[in-house]
C-alpha atoms as a PDB file:
ATOM      1  CA  MET A   1     124.720  90.298 140.162  1.00  0.00           C
ATOM      2  CA  HIS A   2     123.749  86.982 137.832  1.00  0.00           C
ATOM      3  CA  ARG A   3     122.459  87.534 134.987  1.00  0.00           C
ATOM      4  CA  PRO A   4     118.881  86.828 134.449  1.00  0.00           C
ATOM      5  CA  LEU A   5     117.779  88.961 137.311  1.00  0.00           C
ATOM      6  CA  LEU A   6     119.313  92.424 136.010  1.00  0.00           C
ATOM      7  CA  ILE A   7     115.362  91.907 133.491  1.00  0.00           C
ATOM      8  CA  LEU A   8     114.044  94.125 135.955  1.00  0.00           C
ATOM      9  CA  LEU A   9     117.133  96.772 135.506  1.00  0.00           C
ATOM     10  CA  LEU A  10     117.280  96.239 131.152  1.00  0.00           C
ATOM     11  CA  LEU A  11     113.592  96.618 131.484  1.00  0.00           C
ATOM     12  CA  LEU A  12     112.887  99.638 133.424  1.00  0.00           C
ATOM     13  CA  SER A  13     115.932 101.814 132.186  1.00  0.00           C
ATOM     14  CA  SER A  14     114.934 101.252 127.969  1.00  0.00           C
ATOM     15  CA  ALA A  15     111.503 100.035 127.737  1.00  0.00           C
ATOM     16  CA  LEU A  16     110.175 103.112 130.672  1.00  0.00           C
ATOM     17  CA  SER A  17     113.209 105.455 129.986  1.00  0.00           C
ATOM     18  CA  ALA A  18     112.965 108.717 131.844  1.00  0.00           C
ATOM     19  CA  ALA A  19     113.427 110.257 127.618  1.00  0.00           C
ATOM     20  CA  ALA A  20     110.584 111.912 127.350  1.00  0.00           C
ATOM     21  CA  GLU A  21     108.581 109.120 125.723  1.00  0.00           C
ATOM     22  CA  GLU A  22     105.226 109.800 122.287  1.00  0.00           C
ATOM     23  CA  PHE A  23     101.396 109.745 123.078  1.00  0.00           C
ATOM     24  CA  ALA A  24     100.179 108.452 119.552  1.00  0.00           C
ATOM     25  CA  LEU A  25      96.365 109.179 119.599  1.00  0.00           C
ATOM     26  CA  LYS A  26      93.324 108.093 117.673  1.00  0.00           C
ATOM     27  CA  ASP A  27      93.091 110.830 116.361  1.00  0.00           C
ATOM     28  CA  GLY A  28      96.399 111.141 114.919  1.00  0.00           C
ATOM     29  CA  THR A  29      98.178 113.543 117.305  1.00  0.00           C
ATOM     30  CA  LYS A  30     101.425 112.473 118.797  1.00  0.00           C
ATOM     31  CA  ILE A  31     102.019 114.435 122.156  1.00  0.00           C
ATOM     32  CA  VAL A  32     106.120 114.433 123.507  1.00  0.00           C
ATOM     33  CA  GLY A  33     106.141 114.627 127.207  1.00  0.00           C
ATOM     34  CA  HIS A  34     106.636 113.604 130.703  1.00  0.00           C
ATOM     35  CA  MET A  35     103.576 111.669 132.989  1.00  0.00           C
ATOM     36  CA  LEU A  36     103.789 112.959 135.798  1.00  0.00           C
ATOM     37  CA  ALA A  37     101.093 110.952 137.335  1.00  0.00           C
ATOM     38  CA  VAL A  38      98.065 108.713 136.424  1.00  0.00           C
ATOM     39  CA  LYS A  39      94.176 110.305 137.550  1.00  0.00           C
ATOM     40  CA  GLY A  40      91.174 108.250 136.884  1.00  0.00           C
ATOM     41  CA  ASP A  41      91.129 108.097 132.917  1.00  0.00           C
ATOM     42  CA  ARG A  42      93.222 110.737 132.652  1.00  0.00           C
ATOM     43  CA  ILE A  43      96.889 110.625 132.124  1.00  0.00           C
ATOM     44  CA  GLU A  44      98.910 113.574 133.491  1.00  0.00           C
ATOM     45  CA  VAL A  45     102.454 114.167 130.523  1.00  0.00           C
ATOM     46  CA  GLU A  46     104.861 116.980 131.531  1.00  0.00           C
ATOM     47  CA  THR A  47     105.410 118.838 127.819  1.00  0.00           C
ATOM     48  CA  PRO A  48     107.836 121.076 126.648  1.00  0.00           C
ATOM     49  CA  TYR A  49     104.287 123.397 126.603  1.00  0.00           C
ATOM     50  CA  GLY A  50     103.044 122.607 129.778  1.00  0.00           C
ATOM     51  CA  LYS A  51     101.064 119.885 131.644  1.00  0.00           C
ATOM     52  CA  MET A  52      98.336 118.281 129.433  1.00  0.00           C
ATOM     53  CA  LEU A  53      95.899 115.864 130.845  1.00  0.00           C
ATOM     54  CA  LEU A  54      95.023 113.352 128.280  1.00  0.00           C
ATOM     55  CA  LYS A  55      91.940 110.804 128.508  1.00  0.00           C
ATOM     56  CA  ARG A  56      93.176 107.165 128.603  1.00  0.00           C
ATOM     57  CA  SER A  57      90.519 106.415 125.704  1.00  0.00           C
ATOM     58  CA  ASP A  58      92.297 108.496 123.559  1.00  0.00           C
ATOM     59  CA  ILE A  59      95.788 107.233 123.389  1.00  0.00           C
ATOM     60  CA  LEU A  60      96.458 104.683 120.785  1.00  0.00           C
ATOM     61  CA  ALA A  61     100.122 104.250 122.222  1.00  0.00           C
ATOM     62  CA  ILE A  62     102.426 105.382 124.587  1.00  0.00           C
ATOM     63  CA  SER A  63     106.541 104.349 123.612  1.00  0.00           C
ATOM     64  CA  PHE A  64     109.480 104.631 125.457  1.00  0.00           C
ATOM     65  CA  PRO A  65     112.314 105.790 123.358  1.00  0.00           C
ATOM     66  CA  GLU A  66     115.052 103.399 125.058  1.00  0.00           C
ATOM     67  CA  ASN A  67     117.833 105.490 127.241  1.00  0.00           C
ATOM     68  CA  GLU A  68     120.502 105.705 124.948  1.00  0.00           C
ATOM     69  CA  THR A  69     122.824 106.490 127.935  1.00  0.00           C
ATOM     70  CA  GLY A  70     123.778 104.821 130.472  1.00  0.00           C
ATOM     71  CA  ASP A  71     122.447 100.526 130.662  1.00  0.00           C
ATOM     72  CA  ALA A  72     120.774 100.906 127.351  1.00  0.00           C
ATOM     73  CA  PRO A  73     123.970  99.373 125.441  1.00  0.00           C
ATOM     74  CA  ALA A  74     124.138  96.368 127.648  1.00  0.00           C
ATOM     75  CA  ALA A  75     120.101  95.824 126.956  1.00  0.00           C
ATOM     76  CA  ALA A  76     120.687  96.265 123.311  1.00  0.00           C
ATOM     77  CA  ALA A  77     123.289  93.696 123.865  1.00  0.00           C
ATOM     78  CA  ALA A  78     121.637  91.256 125.972  1.00  0.00           C
ATOM     79  CA  LYS A  79     118.717  91.630 123.066  1.00  0.00           C
ATOM     80  CA  LYS A  80     120.572  90.775 119.982  1.00  0.00           C
ATOM     81  CA  ASP A  81     122.495  87.451 121.952  1.00  0.00           C
ATOM     82  CA  ALA A  82     119.372  86.855 122.277  1.00  0.00           C
ATOM     83  CA  PRO A  83     117.960  83.289 120.390  1.00  0.00           C
ATOM     84  CA  LYS A  84     115.175  83.412 118.702  1.00  0.00           C
ATOM     85  CA  ILE A  85     111.760  82.828 120.323  1.00  0.00           C
ATOM     86  CA  ASP A  86     108.949  80.620 118.690  1.00  0.00           C
ATOM     87  CA  GLU A  87     106.149  81.558 119.446  1.00  0.00           C
ATOM     88  CA  SER A  88     102.297  83.732 118.382  1.00  0.00           C
ATOM     89  CA  LEU A  89      98.885  85.483 119.317  1.00  0.00           C
ATOM     90  CA  ASP A  90      95.456  83.905 118.221  1.00  0.00           C
ATOM     91  CA  GLY A  91      92.380  85.638 119.325  1.00  0.00           C
ATOM     92  CA  THR A  92      93.399  86.138 123.392  1.00  0.00           C
ATOM     93  CA  LEU A  93      95.682  82.263 123.301  1.00  0.00           C
ATOM     94  CA  TYR A  94      99.217  83.372 123.652  1.00  0.00           C
ATOM     95  CA  ALA A  95     100.819  79.822 122.039  1.00  0.00           C
ATOM     96  CA  ASN A  96     105.188  79.262 122.835  1.00  0.00           C
ATOM     97  CA  LYS A  97     106.843  76.706 121.732  1.00  0.00           C
ATOM     98  CA  THR A  98     109.984  76.998 122.603  1.00  0.00           C
ATOM     99  CA  GLY A  99     109.464  77.878 126.143  1.00  0.00           C
ATOM    100  CA  LYS A 100     106.886  75.188 126.532  1.00  0.00           C
ATOM    101  CA  PHE A 101     103.651  77.213 128.014  1.00  0.00           C
ATOM    102  CA  SER A 102     100.944  78.968 126.469  1.00  0.00           C
ATOM    103  CA  LEU A 103      99.312  81.402 128.014  1.00  0.00           C
ATOM    104  CA  THR A 104      94.985  83.754 127.705  1.00  0.00           C
ATOM    105  CA  LEU A 105      95.264  86.951 127.570  1.00  0.00           C
ATOM    106  CA  PRO A 106      92.915  89.597 126.914  1.00  0.00           C
ATOM    107  CA  LEU A 107      92.196  91.081 124.398  1.00  0.00           C
ATOM    108  CA  GLU A 108      94.061  93.994 122.123  1.00  0.00           C
ATOM    109  CA  TRP A 109      97.208  92.867 123.965  1.00  0.00           C
ATOM    110  CA  LYS A 110     100.114  92.059 122.267  1.00  0.00           C
ATOM    111  CA  ILE A 111     103.567  90.447 121.409  1.00  0.00           C
ATOM    112  CA  ASN A 112     106.148  92.727 122.560  1.00  0.00           C
ATOM    113  CA  PRO A 113     109.580  91.803 121.074  1.00  0.00           C
ATOM    114  CA  ASP A 114     111.367  95.312 122.310  1.00  0.00           C
ATOM    115  CA  LEU A 115     110.402  93.320 126.410  1.00  0.00           C
ATOM    116  CA  ARG A 116     112.888  91.057 125.721  1.00  0.00           C
ATOM    117  CA  VAL A 117     116.646  91.870 126.505  1.00  0.00           C
ATOM    118  CA  SER A 118     117.800  88.506 127.405  1.00  0.00           C
ATOM    119  CA  GLY A 119     117.935  84.831 126.213  1.00  0.00           C
ATOM    120  CA  ASP A 120     116.248  83.172 129.166  1.00  0.00           C
ATOM    121  CA  MET A 121     113.672  85.386 128.916  1.00  0.00           C
ATOM    122  CA  MET A 122     110.694  83.542 126.807  1.00  0.00           C
ATOM    123  CA  ALA A 123     107.624  85.702 126.035  1.00  0.00           C
ATOM    124  CA  GLY A 124     107.802  89.548 126.543  1.00  0.00           C
ATOM    125  CA  LEU A 125     103.697  91.246 126.277  1.00  0.00           C
ATOM    126  CA  SER A 126     102.027  93.861 126.512  1.00  0.00           C
ATOM    127  CA  SER A 127      98.668  95.717 126.673  1.00  0.00           C
ATOM    128  CA  ARG A 128      97.760  97.210 123.017  1.00  0.00           C
ATOM    129  CA  ASP A 129      98.124 101.370 125.108  1.00  0.00           C
ATOM    130  CA  ASN A 130     102.047  99.893 126.367  1.00  0.00           C
ATOM    131  CA  LEU A 131     100.633  99.951 130.118  1.00  0.00           C
ATOM    132  CA  ARG A 132     100.617  96.901 131.330  1.00  0.00           C
ATOM    133  CA  TYR A 133     103.355  95.010 130.323  1.00  0.00           C
ATOM    134  CA  LEU A 134     104.367  90.769 131.098  1.00  0.00           C
ATOM    135  CA  VAL A 135     107.731  88.984 130.696  1.00  0.00           C
ATOM    136  CA  VAL A 136     107.894  85.389 131.352  1.00  0.00           C
ATOM    137  CA  VAL A 137     111.647  84.032 132.420  1.00  0.00           C
ATOM    138  CA  GLN A 138     112.992  80.386 132.744  1.00  0.00           C
ATOM    139  CA  GLU A 139     115.418  79.948 134.897  1.00  0.00           C
ATOM    140  CA  GLU A 140     117.368  76.703 136.333  1.00  0.00           C
ATOM    141  CA  TYR A 141     117.588  76.923 140.819  1.00  0.00           C
ATOM    142  CA  ALA A 142     117.655  73.796 142.134  1.00  0.00           C
ATOM    143  CA  GLY A 143     116.446  75.767 145.452  1.00  0.00           C
ATOM    144  CA  SER A 144     112.590  75.802 147.035  1.00  0.00           C
ATOM    145  CA  PRO A 145     110.420  78.710 145.300  1.00  0.00           C
ATOM    146  CA  GLU A 146     110.492  81.420 148.521  1.00  0.00           C
ATOM    147  CA  SER A 147     114.983  80.842 147.713  1.00  0.00           C
ATOM    148  CA  TYR A 148     114.406  81.998 144.306  1.00  0.00           C
ATOM    149  CA  GLY A 149     112.350  84.382 145.678  1.00  0.00           C
ATOM    150  CA  GLY A 150     114.432  86.047 147.961  1.00  0.00           C
ATOM    151  CA  LEU A 151     116.659  86.486 144.731  1.00  0.00           C
ATOM    152  CA  VAL A 152     113.623  88.120 143.444  1.00  0.00           C
ATOM    153  CA  GLU A 153     113.342  90.522 146.277  1.00  0.00           C
ATOM    154  CA  ILE A 154     117.012  91.795 146.791  1.00  0.00           C
ATOM    155  CA  GLN A 155     117.381  92.552 143.230  1.00  0.00           C
ATOM    156  CA  ALA A 156     114.427  94.320 142.846  1.00  0.00           C
ATOM    157  CA  LYS A 157     115.285  96.708 146.189  1.00  0.00           C
ATOM    158  CA  ARG A 158     118.907  98.015 144.736  1.00  0.00           C
ATOM    159  CA  ASN A 159     115.993  98.493 141.446  1.00  0.00           C
ATOM    160  CA  LEU A 160     113.676 100.437 142.827  1.00  0.00           C
ATOM    161  CA  ASP A 161     114.191 103.417 145.966  1.00  0.00           C
ATOM    162  CA  ARG A 162     111.882 102.297 148.650  1.00  0.00           C
ATOM    163  CA  TYR A 163     111.112  99.475 147.586  1.00  0.00           C
ATOM    164  CA  GLU A 164     108.399  97.827 149.879  1.00  0.00           C
ATOM    165  CA  LYS A 165     106.809  93.984 150.299  1.00  0.00           C
ATOM    166  CA  LEU A 166     103.228  94.072 149.779  1.00  0.00           C
ATOM    167  CA  SER A 167     102.519  89.892 150.434  1.00  0.00           C
ATOM    168  CA  GLN A 168     103.699  86.743 149.537  1.00  0.00           C
ATOM    169  CA  SER A 169     101.958  84.028 149.050  1.00  0.00           C
ATOM    170  CA  PRO A 170     101.438  79.800 148.321  1.00  0.00           C
ATOM    171  CA  ALA A 171      99.254  79.000 145.000  1.00  0.00           C
ATOM    172  CA  THR A 172      98.565  76.613 142.865  1.00  0.00           C
ATOM    173  CA  ILE A 173      98.991  77.502 139.403  1.00  0.00           C
ATOM    174  CA  ASP A 174      99.251  74.873 136.370  1.00  0.00           C
ATOM    175  CA  GLY A 175      98.145  71.782 139.207  1.00  0.00           C
ATOM    176  CA  LYS A 176     101.569  72.757 140.254  1.00  0.00           C
ATOM    177  CA  SER A 177     102.042  74.770 144.202  1.00  0.00           C
ATOM    178  CA  ALA A 178     103.866  78.381 143.602  1.00  0.00           C
ATOM    179  CA  LEU A 179     105.160  81.557 144.801  1.00  0.00           C
ATOM    180  CA  LEU A 180     103.352  85.294 144.637  1.00  0.00           C
ATOM    181  CA  LEU A 181     105.305  87.543 144.711  1.00  0.00           C
ATOM    182  CA  SER A 182     103.871  91.379 145.194  1.00  0.00           C
ATOM    183  CA  TYR A 183     105.975  94.905 145.792  1.00  0.00           C
ATOM    184  CA  ARG A 184     106.428  97.893 144.786  1.00  0.00           C
ATOM    185  CA  GLY A 185     108.311 100.797 144.544  1.00  0.00           C
ATOM    186  CA  THR A 186     109.884 104.718 142.753  1.00  0.00           C
ATOM    187  CA  SER A 187     112.109 104.336 140.346  1.00  0.00           C
ATOM    188  CA  PRO A 188     114.238 106.466 138.897  1.00  0.00           C
ATOM    189  CA  LYS A 189     114.531 105.367 135.354  1.00  0.00           C
ATOM    190  CA  ALA A 190     111.597 105.923 135.071  1.00  0.00           C
ATOM    191  CA  ASN A 191     111.241 109.191 136.217  1.00  0.00           C
ATOM    192  CA  ASN A 192     110.723 107.887 139.688  1.00  0.00           C
ATOM    193  CA  LEU A 193     106.923 106.381 138.973  1.00  0.00           C
ATOM    194  CA  PRO A 194     105.985 104.148 141.000  1.00  0.00           C
ATOM    195  CA  ILE A 195     105.627 101.254 139.861  1.00  0.00           C
ATOM    196  CA  GLN A 196     103.920  98.020 141.764  1.00  0.00           C
ATOM    197  CA  PHE A 197     104.470  94.555 140.227  1.00  0.00           C
ATOM    198  CA  LEU A 198     103.214  90.920 140.633  1.00  0.00           C
ATOM    199  CA  VAL A 199     105.446  88.226 140.369  1.00  0.00           C
ATOM    200  CA  ALA A 200     104.292  84.102 140.046  1.00  0.00           C
ATOM    201  CA  ILE A 201     107.396  81.501 140.591  1.00  0.00           C
ATOM    202  CA  ILE A 202     106.303  78.095 138.959  1.00  0.00           C
ATOM    203  CA  PRO A 203     108.187  74.954 139.517  1.00  0.00           C
ATOM    204  CA  SER A 204     109.165  73.993 135.257  1.00  0.00           C
ATOM    205  CA  GLY A 205     112.013  71.746 135.165  1.00  0.00           C
ATOM    206  CA  ASN A 206     115.210  71.824 136.959  1.00  0.00           C
ATOM    207  CA  GLY A 207     114.114  75.214 138.201  1.00  0.00           C
ATOM    208  CA  TYR A 208     111.322  77.419 137.577  1.00  0.00           C
ATOM    209  CA  SER A 209     109.859  80.324 134.820  1.00  0.00           C
ATOM    210  CA  ARG A 210     108.274  83.760 136.265  1.00  0.00           C
ATOM    211  CA  ILE A 211     105.729  85.278 135.518  1.00  0.00           C
ATOM    212  CA  THR A 212     106.293  88.939 136.279  1.00  0.00           C
ATOM    213  CA  THR A 213     103.040  92.056 135.345  1.00  0.00           C
ATOM    214  CA  TRP A 214     104.238  95.034 136.290  1.00  0.00           C
ATOM    215  CA  CYS A 215     101.500  98.594 136.241  1.00  0.00           C
ATOM    216  CA  VAL A 216     102.636 102.134 137.705  1.00  0.00           C
ATOM    217  CA  GLU A 217     100.176 101.908 140.830  1.00  0.00           C
ATOM    218  CA  PRO A 218      97.246 104.496 139.761  1.00  0.00           C
ATOM    219  CA  LEU A 219      96.521 101.699 137.855  1.00  0.00           C
ATOM    220  CA  PHE A 220      97.152  98.225 139.069  1.00  0.00           C
ATOM    221  CA  ASN A 221      94.107  98.129 141.327  1.00  0.00           C
ATOM    222  CA  GLU A 222      91.981  97.764 138.784  1.00  0.00           C
ATOM    223  CA  THR A 223      94.407  95.726 136.716  1.00  0.00           C
ATOM    224  CA  GLN A 224      94.949  93.305 139.166  1.00  0.00           C
ATOM    225  CA  ALA A 225      93.036  90.929 138.485  1.00  0.00           C
ATOM    226  CA  MET A 226      94.170  90.766 135.146  1.00  0.00           C
ATOM    227  CA  PHE A 227      97.185  89.699 135.997  1.00  0.00           C
ATOM    228  CA  GLU A 228      95.787  87.370 137.987  1.00  0.00           C
ATOM    229  CA  LYS A 229      94.178  85.490 135.529  1.00  0.00           C
ATOM    230  CA  ILE A 230      96.647  85.813 133.386  1.00  0.00           C
ATOM    231  CA  ILE A 231      98.811  84.433 135.594  1.00  0.00           C
ATOM    232  CA  SER A 232      96.488  81.888 136.640  1.00  0.00           C
ATOM    233  CA  SER A 233      95.691  80.582 132.618  1.00  0.00           C
ATOM    234  CA  TYR A 234      99.459  79.314 132.186  1.00  0.00           C
ATOM    235  CA  HIS A 235      99.919  76.252 131.409  1.00  0.00           C
ATOM    236  CA  SER A 236     103.296  73.863 130.376  1.00  0.00           C
ATOM    237  CA  THR A 237     103.105  72.332 127.149  1.00  0.00           C
ATOM    238  CA  GLY A 238     106.506  70.333 127.866  1.00  0.00           C
ATOM    239  CA  THR A 239     109.346  70.172 129.727  1.00  0.00           C
ATOM    240  CA  ALA A 240     110.995  74.144 128.713  1.00  0.00           C
ATOM    241  CA  SER A 241     114.774  73.368 130.144  1.00  0.00           C
ATOM    242  CA  ALA A 242     115.704  76.698 131.249  1.00  0.00           C
ATOM    243  CA  ALA A 243     118.140  78.767 129.446  1.00  0.00           C
ATOM    244  CA  VAL A 244     120.619  80.372 132.114  1.00  0.00           C
ATOM    245  CA  PRO A 245     121.338  78.997 136.083  1.00  0.00           C
ATOM    246  CA  ALA A 246     120.966  81.014 138.237  1.00  0.00           C
ATOM    247  CA  SER A 247     123.472  81.551 141.086  1.00  0.00           C
ATOM    248  CA  PRO A 248     123.158  84.045 144.149  1.00  0.00           C
ATOM    249  CA  PRO A 249     123.600  87.498 143.643  1.00  0.00           C
ATOM    250  CA  HIS A 250     127.440  89.361 143.237  1.00  0.00           C
ATOM    251  CA  PRO A 251     127.262  92.814 145.374  1.00  0.00           C
END
C-alpha cells in the first residue's frame, strides 16, 4: 500500500474518529456524544444521558478528537513530516502558492490544517461546522486518469465497508481532460457512518492533482452541487511538481 493512497484511511481515522465527537453550540453549550444520523435539519446524537436531536442551525462546530490508538500515531507522524504550505483564504478565494493552484470556496469555509496528514497533501479545507471536507493531493503518475482512478478505488475498497461505485465520467476542469469519480461506503473508523465521496482527477505537470470531497451521506445530496462548483473552480497558477511518486498498492 503506497503512502499517498493511505490518505483516505488516515483521514477517516483522525478526522472522523470513533472517539466521541464534541458539538459546540452557538449558545456556548458543548455536548459530547456520537453522531448517529442526520434527519433533515437535525442531527441525532447519542450522549451519556440518552439520545438528543440537535438543530443543525444551532451547531457552531463539530470536533472529531484524534483517536489515540490504531492509526493515529501514523497519522500524527505523517503530519509532523508534512512541509509548510504557503496558502491563503481571502473571502471565498483560496490560493495555494506551494501547489500553484486556486479554488473558489463557499462563504464560511476555512483552511483546516488538521486534514493535512502527508507531505503530498497540498490543502485541507472544510466547512465552518466541520461537516463537509475537501483535500487536494498532488502526485507523480505516468498512467492514464482511468488507471489512477483505479488505484483510488482499490484503496477505497480496502478502507470502506459496503463500498459502492456510483459513477465515473469524463470532465473538463481548468481546460484539461479530467475524470470525476463518485463512490460511497461505511467507515468502521467512524461508527460505521455512511460517507459519500466525489473525486476529481486533473492532469498536473508529470502527474495529477486529486481533489477529494466528502461528507456523511445524508448531507451529500444537498452538498453535491456545492462540491461540483468548488471542483470546477480549480485553476492552475503554474506548473506544480508532485511531492511523491505514485505506485501500485501492495497487498
